Protein backbone atom coordinates (compact mmCIF):
# COMPACT_ATOMS: atom_id res chain seq x y z
CA MET A 1 3.98 1.16 6.59
CA LEU A 2 2.90 1.82 10.01
CA LEU A 3 6.27 0.82 11.99
CA GLY A 4 8.20 3.10 9.49
CA THR A 5 5.67 6.06 10.80
CA GLU A 6 6.59 5.46 14.32
CA LEU A 7 9.81 4.87 13.67
CA TYR A 8 10.68 7.84 11.69
CA HIS A 9 9.46 9.68 14.84
CA PHE A 10 12.26 8.18 16.31
CA ALA A 11 15.13 7.37 14.26
CA PRO A 12 14.19 9.40 11.05
CA LEU A 13 16.74 7.61 8.86
CA PRO A 14 15.69 4.23 9.01
CA GLY A 15 11.93 4.76 8.89
CA LEU A 16 12.50 7.05 5.98
CA VAL A 17 14.34 4.05 4.69
CA LEU A 18 11.78 1.36 5.72
CA ILE A 19 8.61 3.59 4.76
CA PRO A 20 9.20 3.23 0.83
CA LEU A 21 10.18 -0.44 1.25
CA SER A 22 6.82 -1.16 2.96
CA ILE A 23 5.17 0.44 0.25
CA ALA A 24 7.05 -0.65 -2.68
CA ALA A 25 6.65 -4.74 -1.03
CA ALA A 26 2.75 -3.97 -0.81
CA THR A 27 2.68 -2.88 -4.08
CA VAL A 28 4.28 -6.08 -5.28
CA PHE A 29 2.09 -7.97 -2.86
CA ASP A 30 -1.34 -6.50 -4.63
CA SER A 31 0.09 -6.30 -7.79
CA TRP A 32 0.47 -10.03 -7.37
CA LEU A 33 -2.80 -11.08 -5.74
CA ILE A 34 -4.77 -9.00 -8.59
CA ALA A 35 -3.04 -10.98 -11.38
CA PHE A 36 -3.71 -14.37 -9.57
CA TRP A 37 -7.64 -13.17 -9.38
CA MET A 38 -6.98 -12.56 -12.96
CA ARG A 39 -5.69 -15.66 -13.89
CA ALA A 40 -7.38 -18.23 -11.56
CA GLY A 41 -10.82 -17.09 -13.42
CA ILE A 42 -12.87 -16.74 -10.27
CA GLN A 43 -16.05 -16.65 -10.38
CA LEU A 44 -17.87 -13.29 -9.12
CA GLU A 45 -20.23 -15.21 -7.14
CA SER A 46 -17.17 -16.37 -4.47
CA VAL A 47 -15.56 -12.75 -4.45
CA HIS A 48 -16.40 -11.01 -1.20
CA GLY A 49 -15.58 -6.93 -1.21
CA GLY A 50 -13.58 -7.94 2.12
CA PHE A 51 -11.21 -9.25 -0.36
CA LEU A 52 -10.39 -6.12 -2.11
CA LEU A 53 -9.37 -4.49 1.48
CA PRO A 54 -5.92 -5.15 1.06
CA THR A 55 -5.78 -4.04 -2.11
CA GLY A 56 -7.83 -0.54 -1.84
CA ALA A 57 -6.47 -0.07 1.77
CA ALA A 58 -2.69 -0.18 1.20
CA GLY A 59 -2.64 3.23 -1.29
CA PHE A 60 -4.38 5.42 1.24
CA VAL A 61 -2.49 3.78 4.33
CA ALA A 62 0.88 4.49 1.73
CA ALA A 63 -0.44 7.83 1.10
CA THR A 64 -0.74 8.72 5.20
CA THR A 65 2.90 7.44 6.23
CA ALA A 66 4.44 8.87 3.45
CA ALA A 67 3.01 12.41 4.37
CA THR A 68 4.07 11.86 7.64
CA ALA A 69 7.45 11.41 6.92
CA GLY A 70 7.48 14.46 4.38
CA LEU A 71 7.79 12.42 1.11
CA THR A 72 5.30 14.43 -0.08
CA ALA A 73 5.32 13.38 -4.19
CA LEU A 74 5.00 9.37 -3.25
CA ALA A 75 2.09 10.47 -0.93
CA ILE A 76 0.04 12.20 -3.68
CA SER A 77 1.40 9.15 -5.54
CA CYS A 78 -0.02 6.74 -3.72
CA LEU A 79 -3.53 8.53 -2.89
CA ALA A 80 -4.27 8.76 -6.56
CA VAL A 81 -3.63 5.22 -6.97
CA GLY A 82 -5.09 3.90 -3.74
CA PRO A 83 -8.75 3.49 -4.76
CA CYS A 84 -7.41 1.42 -7.99
CA GLY A 85 -6.05 -1.03 -6.03
CA GLY A 86 -2.78 -0.85 -4.26
C-alpha cells in the first residue's frame, strides 16, 4: 500500500492500480489469518496482542493510502473496518 502511495506521486495511473490491489491483498490475508485462528482452536494463553497488529493496522494504513490517492469512499470504508481487523 505504501509503495502504491509513493508510486502515485510519480506515476498516478500505476499508483491508482496498485493501491486497491494491495488493499484487496491485505483483506484476503487478514481474512485468511483470522479464519485460521478460529479453526485452529488456539488457546487464549498462547495469543499475544502483537498477533493482532497485521489485522488491525492494515485498515488504518489502507485508509491513509487511499485518502492520499483521492479514493475517498475507499478510505472511509477502510477506516470504518480498520478497528475490526482488515
